[in-house]
Amino acid sequence: MTTLTGRPHTALLVIDVQNGVMQAAHDRETVLAHLVALVEKARAAGTEVVWVQHTSDELPRGSEPWAYVPELVRREPEPLVHKTYGDSFEDTDLEEVLAARGIGTLVVAGAQTDACIRSTLHGALTRGYDVTLVADAHTTEDLSAYGAPPPGQVIAHTNLYWQYQTAPGRAAGVVQTAEVDFAVKAPV
């Protein structure tokens, strides 16, 4: 249903599952187990896995906090997109990476729910992609000291509102890790 013509394929987009991001993540071990399962499912089905890695003052390129967590290992030739903004499309080559592979549907997982995940979900939908959020495979840290709701509520709210997102000719949705089936291919 994507509005991107000639883009029948799906990709798993793994966002910012880096040491510094995941260090204080809510329900870290469970979310990581789901992310590992998603990557394995995607690879087994021949679905592209696209990795996104954030760089900032807190996550300087090449540092230990910047590195992906050891539980997740990117394989060659899986694409790696470097970003410095919340939206994984903003000032990156993500669109070119996806277009070159005929990808019009994204399955999104990673961190942080209230920042890069939400920004990328909206960025993808406005650019014409169908976008599914994996409800139990994204997380955030506890920012309640700054006025945010507790992380469990941030995650639940994001899952709630994303299941109702719509745009002309595009689909949004939310599924659990166990429900993701990369073997089901979009019609050409």
C-alpha atoms as a PDB file:
ATOM      1  CA  MET A   1       0.000   0.000   0.000  1.00  0.00           C
ATOM      2  CA  THR A   2       3.022   2.307   0.132  1.00  0.00           C
ATOM      3  CA  THR A   3       2.867   5.355  -2.111  1.00  0.00           C
ATOM      4  CA  LEU A   4       6.425   4.648  -3.273  1.00  0.00           C
ATOM      5  CA  THR A   5       6.187   3.029  -6.704  1.00  0.00           C
ATOM      6  CA  GLY A   6       8.359   0.049  -7.522  1.00  0.00           C
ATOM      7  CA  ARG A   7       9.165  -0.508  -3.849  1.00  0.00           C
ATOM      8  CA  PRO A   8       7.560  -3.878  -2.945  1.00  0.00           C
ATOM      9  CA  HIS A   9      10.119  -4.963  -0.343  1.00  0.00           C
ATOM     10  CA  THR A  10      10.221  -4.729   3.446  1.00  0.00           C
ATOM     11  CA  ALA A  11      13.131  -3.917   5.753  1.00  0.00           C
ATOM     12  CA  LEU A  12      13.674  -4.235   9.465  1.00  0.00           C
ATOM     13  CA  LEU A  13      14.986  -0.881  10.687  1.00  0.00           C
ATOM     14  CA  VAL A  14      17.031  -1.283  13.899  1.00  0.00           C
ATOM     15  CA  ILE A  15      17.479   2.159  15.433  1.00  0.00           C
ATOM     16  CA  ASP A  16      20.183   3.220  17.906  1.00  0.00           C
ATOM     17  CA  VAL A  17      20.575   0.044  19.941  1.00  0.00           C
ATOM     18  CA  GLN A  18      23.904   1.390  21.162  1.00  0.00           C
ATOM     19  CA  ASN A  19      25.670   0.863  24.488  1.00  0.00           C
ATOM     20  CA  GLY A  20      25.160   4.431  25.678  1.00  0.00           C
ATOM     21  CA  VAL A  21      21.508   4.458  24.646  1.00  0.00           C
ATOM     22  CA  MET A  22      20.659   1.049  26.099  1.00  0.00           C
ATOM     23  CA  GLN A  23      22.609   1.438  29.336  1.00  0.00           C
ATOM     24  CA  ALA A  24      19.596   2.693  31.317  1.00  0.00           C
ATOM     25  CA  ALA A  25      16.855   1.457  28.980  1.00  0.00           C
ATOM     26  CA  HIS A  26      13.540   0.295  30.389  1.00  0.00           C
ATOM     27  CA  ASP A  27      13.165  -3.514  30.316  1.00  0.00           C
ATOM     28  CA  ARG A  28      16.525  -3.734  28.532  1.00  0.00           C
ATOM     29  CA  GLU A  29      16.982  -7.516  28.548  1.00  0.00           C
ATOM     30  CA  THR A  30      13.494  -8.321  27.264  1.00  0.00           C
ATOM     31  CA  VAL A  31      13.673  -5.701  24.532  1.00  0.00           C
ATOM     32  CA  LEU A  32      17.120  -6.940  23.468  1.00  0.00           C
ATOM     33  CA  ALA A  33      15.842 -10.527  23.305  1.00  0.00           C
ATOM     34  CA  HIS A  34      13.014  -9.359  21.035  1.00  0.00           C
ATOM     35  CA  LEU A  35      15.429  -7.377  18.860  1.00  0.00           C
ATOM     36  CA  VAL A  36      17.696 -10.411  18.469  1.00  0.00           C
ATOM     37  CA  ALA A  37      14.659 -12.520  17.504  1.00  0.00           C
ATOM     38  CA  LEU A  38      13.529  -9.924  14.946  1.00  0.00           C
ATOM     39  CA  VAL A  39      16.962  -9.750  13.315  1.00  0.00           C
ATOM     40  CA  GLU A  40      17.100 -13.553  13.122  1.00  0.00           C
ATOM     41  CA  LYS A  41      13.580 -13.700  11.615  1.00  0.00           C
ATOM     42  CA  ALA A  42      14.409 -11.050   9.037  1.00  0.00           C
ATOM     43  CA  ARG A  43      17.642 -12.733   7.990  1.00  0.00           C
ATOM     44  CA  ALA A  44      15.972 -16.149   7.765  1.00  0.00           C
ATOM     45  CA  ALA A  45      13.278 -14.683   5.482  1.00  0.00           C
ATOM     46  CA  GLY A  46      15.780 -12.828   3.293  1.00  0.00           C
ATOM     47  CA  THR A  47      14.467  -9.470   4.494  1.00  0.00           C
ATOM     48  CA  GLU A  48      16.888  -6.560   4.606  1.00  0.00           C
ATOM     49  CA  VAL A  49      18.113  -5.490   8.037  1.00  0.00           C
ATOM     50  CA  VAL A  50      19.067  -1.821   8.040  1.00  0.00           C
ATOM     51  CA  TRP A  51      21.028  -0.511  11.027  1.00  0.00           C
ATOM     52  CA  VAL A  52      20.869   3.095  12.213  1.00  0.00           C
ATOM     53  CA  GLN A  53      23.526   4.530  14.520  1.00  0.00           C
ATOM     54  CA  HIS A  54      23.350   7.899  16.268  1.00  0.00           C
ATOM     55  CA  THR A  55      26.300  10.210  16.852  1.00  0.00           C
ATOM     56  CA  SER A  56      26.196  13.053  19.397  1.00  0.00           C
ATOM     57  CA  ASP A  57      28.265  14.644  22.143  1.00  0.00           C
ATOM     58  CA  GLU A  58      27.178  11.786  24.430  1.00  0.00           C
ATOM     59  CA  LEU A  59      27.763   9.193  21.687  1.00  0.00           C
ATOM     60  CA  PRO A  60      30.977  10.247  19.924  1.00  0.00           C
ATOM     61  CA  ARG A  61      31.739   8.196  16.834  1.00  0.00           C
ATOM     62  CA  GLY A  62      34.076   5.296  17.561  1.00  0.00           C
ATOM     63  CA  SER A  63      33.497   5.362  21.327  1.00  0.00           C
ATOM     64  CA  GLU A  64      32.220   2.502  23.497  1.00  0.00           C
ATOM     65  CA  PRO A  65      28.879   4.261  24.186  1.00  0.00           C
ATOM     66  CA  TRP A  66      28.452   4.813  20.418  1.00  0.00           C
ATOM     67  CA  ALA A  67      28.984   1.116  19.555  1.00  0.00           C
ATOM     68  CA  TYR A  68      26.054  -1.233  19.049  1.00  0.00           C
ATOM     69  CA  VAL A  69      25.315  -3.524  22.010  1.00  0.00           C
ATOM     70  CA  PRO A  70      27.204  -6.836  21.814  1.00  0.00           C
ATOM     71  CA  GLU A  71      23.950  -8.826  21.623  1.00  0.00           C
ATOM     72  CA  LEU A  72      23.341  -7.428  18.128  1.00  0.00           C
ATOM     73  CA  VAL A  73      25.950  -7.896  15.448  1.00  0.00           C
ATOM     74  CA  ARG A  74      25.574  -6.312  12.037  1.00  0.00           C
ATOM     75  CA  ARG A  75      26.617  -8.511   9.125  1.00  0.00           C
ATOM     76  CA  GLU A  76      28.189  -7.403   5.905  1.00  0.00           C
ATOM     77  CA  PRO A  77      26.593  -6.277   3.599  1.00  0.00           C
ATOM     78  CA  GLU A  78      23.725  -5.084   5.847  1.00  0.00           C
ATOM     79  CA  PRO A  79      23.510  -1.300   5.463  1.00  0.00           C
ATOM     80  CA  LEU A  80      24.545   0.998   8.293  1.00  0.00           C
ATOM     81  CA  VAL A  81      23.141   4.519   8.315  1.00  0.00           C
ATOM     82  CA  HIS A  82      24.810   7.169  10.472  1.00  0.00           C
ATOM     83  CA  LYS A  83      22.653   9.968  11.849  1.00  0.00           C
ATOM     84  CA  THR A  84      22.859  13.026  14.063  1.00  0.00           C
ATOM     85  CA  TYR A  85      19.139  13.903  14.279  1.00  0.00           C
ATOM     86  CA  GLY A  86      16.182  12.033  15.748  1.00  0.00           C
ATOM     87  CA  ASP A  87      14.559  11.225  12.403  1.00  0.00           C
ATOM     88  CA  SER A  88      16.687   8.539  10.760  1.00  0.00           C
ATOM     89  CA  PHE A  89      15.937  10.092   7.355  1.00  0.00           C
ATOM     90  CA  GLU A  90      17.085  13.601   8.247  1.00  0.00           C
ATOM     91  CA  ASP A  91      20.463  14.464   6.688  1.00  0.00           C
ATOM     92  CA  THR A  92      21.332  10.780   6.100  1.00  0.00           C
ATOM     93  CA  ASP A  93      21.483   8.380   3.174  1.00  0.00           C
ATOM     94  CA  LEU A  94      18.633   6.203   4.516  1.00  0.00           C
ATOM     95  CA  GLU A  95      16.257   7.106   1.681  1.00  0.00           C
ATOM     96  CA  GLU A  96      18.907   6.206  -0.920  1.00  0.00           C
ATOM     97  CA  VAL A  97      19.679   2.919   0.861  1.00  0.00           C
ATOM     98  CA  LEU A  98      16.002   1.942   0.908  1.00  0.00           C
ATOM     99  CA  ALA A  99      15.284   3.081  -2.653  1.00  0.00           C
ATOM    100  CA  ALA A 100      18.224   1.097  -4.027  1.00  0.00           C
ATOM    101  CA  ARG A 101      16.737  -2.037  -2.451  1.00  0.00           C
ATOM    102  CA  GLY A 102      13.140  -1.395  -3.526  1.00  0.00           C
ATOM    103  CA  ILE A 103      11.954  -1.011   0.060  1.00  0.00           C
ATOM    104  CA  GLY A 104       8.594   0.651   0.654  1.00  0.00           C
ATOM    105  CA  THR A 105       7.636  -0.975   3.952  1.00  0.00           C
ATOM    106  CA  LEU A 106       9.480  -0.587   7.246  1.00  0.00           C
ATOM    107  CA  VAL A 107       9.293  -2.609  10.433  1.00  0.00           C
ATOM    108  CA  VAL A 108      10.735  -0.370  13.150  1.00  0.00           C
ATOM    109  CA  ALA A 109      12.390  -1.328  16.444  1.00  0.00           C
ATOM    110  CA  GLY A 110      15.077   0.026  18.754  1.00  0.00           C
ATOM    111  CA  ALA A 111      15.536   3.121  20.916  1.00  0.00           C
ATOM    112  CA  GLN A 112      14.596   5.630  22.157  1.00  0.00           C
ATOM    113  CA  THR A 113      10.822   5.454  21.966  1.00  0.00           C
ATOM    114  CA  ASP A 114      10.152   9.106  22.729  1.00  0.00           C
ATOM    115  CA  ALA A 115      12.877  10.466  20.480  1.00  0.00           C
ATOM    116  CA  CYS A 116      14.404   8.625  17.524  1.00  0.00           C
ATOM    117  CA  ILE A 117      11.720   5.946  17.225  1.00  0.00           C
ATOM    118  CA  ARG A 118       8.844   8.439  17.128  1.00  0.00           C
ATOM    119  CA  SER A 119      10.707  10.840  14.847  1.00  0.00           C
ATOM    120  CA  THR A 120      11.561   8.068  12.402  1.00  0.00           C
ATOM    121  CA  LEU A 121       8.027   6.625  12.415  1.00  0.00           C
ATOM    122  CA  HIS A 122       6.589   9.991  11.430  1.00  0.00           C
ATOM    123  CA  GLY A 123       9.436  10.741   9.014  1.00  0.00           C
ATOM    124  CA  ALA A 124       8.864   7.456   7.206  1.00  0.00           C
ATOM    125  CA  LEU A 125       5.091   7.815   6.971  1.00  0.00           C
ATOM    126  CA  THR A 126       5.313  11.364   5.612  1.00  0.00           C
ATOM    127  CA  ARG A 127       7.826  10.186   3.008  1.00  0.00           C
ATOM    128  CA  GLY A 128       5.433   7.538   1.671  1.00  0.00           C
ATOM    129  CA  TYR A 129       6.432   4.377   3.556  1.00  0.00           C
ATOM    130  CA  ASP A 130       4.158   1.867   5.212  1.00  0.00           C
ATOM    131  CA  VAL A 131       5.449   1.695   8.791  1.00  0.00           C
ATOM    132  CA  THR A 132       4.922  -0.962  11.432  1.00  0.00           C
ATOM    133  CA  LEU A 133       6.178  -0.487  14.973  1.00  0.00           C
ATOM    134  CA  VAL A 134       7.138  -3.601  16.925  1.00  0.00           C
ATOM    135  CA  ALA A 135       5.360  -2.971  20.240  1.00  0.00           C
ATOM    136  CA  ASP A 136       7.655  -5.000  22.478  1.00  0.00           C
ATOM    137  CA  ALA A 137      10.928  -4.201  20.698  1.00  0.00           C
ATOM    138  CA  HIS A 138      11.436  -0.522  21.462  1.00  0.00           C
ATOM    139  CA  THR A 139      12.437   1.186  24.676  1.00  0.00           C
ATOM    140  CA  THR A 140      13.520   4.384  26.352  1.00  0.00           C
ATOM    141  CA  GLU A 141      15.213   5.539  29.513  1.00  0.00           C
ATOM    142  CA  ASP A 142      13.393   6.976  32.516  1.00  0.00           C
ATOM    143  CA  LEU A 143      13.072  10.714  31.947  1.00  0.00           C
ATOM    144  CA  SER A 144      10.397  11.262  34.602  1.00  0.00           C
ATOM    145  CA  ALA A 145      12.783  13.514  36.553  1.00  0.00           C
ATOM    146  CA  TYR A 146      12.375  15.938  33.628  1.00  0.00           C
ATOM    147  CA  GLY A 147       8.575  15.754  33.601  1.00  0.00           C
ATOM    148  CA  ALA A 148       8.100  12.822  31.233  1.00  0.00           C
ATOM    149  CA  PRO A 149       5.818   9.923  32.120  1.00  0.00           C
ATOM    150  CA  PRO A 150       7.548   6.738  33.323  1.00  0.00           C
ATOM    151  CA  PRO A 151       9.074   4.748  30.429  1.00  0.00           C
ATOM    152  CA  GLY A 152       6.441   2.018  30.459  1.00  0.00           C
ATOM    153  CA  GLN A 153       3.771   4.658  29.876  1.00  0.00           C
ATOM    154  CA  VAL A 154       5.801   6.336  27.116  1.00  0.00           C
ATOM    155  CA  ILE A 155       6.096   2.988  25.329  1.00  0.00           C
ATOM    156  CA  ALA A 156       2.422   2.114  25.850  1.00  0.00           C
ATOM    157  CA  HIS A 157       1.273   5.528  24.606  1.00  0.00           C
ATOM    158  CA  THR A 158       3.441   5.295  21.498  1.00  0.00           C
ATOM    159  CA  ASN A 159       2.085   1.816  20.752  1.00  0.00           C
ATOM    160  CA  LEU A 160      -1.469   3.098  21.272  1.00  0.00           C
ATOM    161  CA  TYR A 161      -1.324   6.133  19.054  1.00  0.00           C
ATOM    162  CA  TRP A 162       0.758   4.534  16.270  1.00  0.00           C
ATOM    163  CA  GLN A 163      -1.842   1.828  15.653  1.00  0.00           C
ATOM    164  CA  TYR A 164      -4.272   4.578  14.627  1.00  0.00           C
ATOM    165  CA  GLN A 165      -1.981   6.584  12.330  1.00  0.00           C
ATOM    166  CA  THR A 166      -3.138   6.950   8.750  1.00  0.00           C
ATOM    167  CA  ALA A 167      -2.103   8.794   5.646  1.00  0.00           C
ATOM    168  CA  PRO A 168      -3.363   8.614   2.054  1.00  0.00           C
ATOM    169  CA  GLY A 169      -2.155   5.406   0.433  1.00  0.00           C
ATOM    170  CA  ARG A 170      -0.010   4.417   3.421  1.00  0.00           C
ATOM    171  CA  ALA A 171      -0.451   2.072   6.342  1.00  0.00           C
ATOM    172  CA  ALA A 172       0.764   2.244   9.906  1.00  0.00           C
ATOM    173  CA  GLY A 173       0.422  -0.439  12.524  1.00  0.00           C
ATOM    174  CA  VAL A 174       1.712  -2.077  15.654  1.00  0.00           C
ATOM    175  CA  VAL A 175       2.569  -5.756  16.169  1.00  0.00           C
ATOM    176  CA  GLN A 176       4.293  -7.869  18.787  1.00  0.00           C
ATOM    177  CA  THR A 177       7.603  -9.579  17.971  1.00  0.00           C
ATOM    178  CA  ALA A 178       5.879 -12.960  17.891  1.00  0.00           C
ATOM    179  CA  GLU A 179       3.451 -11.670  15.226  1.00  0.00           C
ATOM    180  CA  VAL A 180       6.092 -10.343  12.819  1.00  0.00           C
ATOM    181  CA  ASP A 181       6.256 -12.520   9.722  1.00  0.00           C
ATOM    182  CA  PHE A 182       8.834 -11.368   7.230  1.00  0.00           C
ATOM    183  CA  ALA A 183       8.015 -14.327   4.983  1.00  0.00           C
ATOM    184  CA  VAL A 184       4.749 -12.614   3.985  1.00  0.00           C
ATOM    185  CA  LYS A 185       5.666 -10.479   0.992  1.00  0.00           C
ATOM    186  CA  ALA A 186       3.801  -7.400  -0.165  1.00  0.00           C
ATOM    187  CA  PRO A 187       2.019  -7.679  -3.516  1.00  0.00           C
ATOM    188  CA  VAL A 188       4.030  -6.313  -6.418  1.00  0.00           C
END
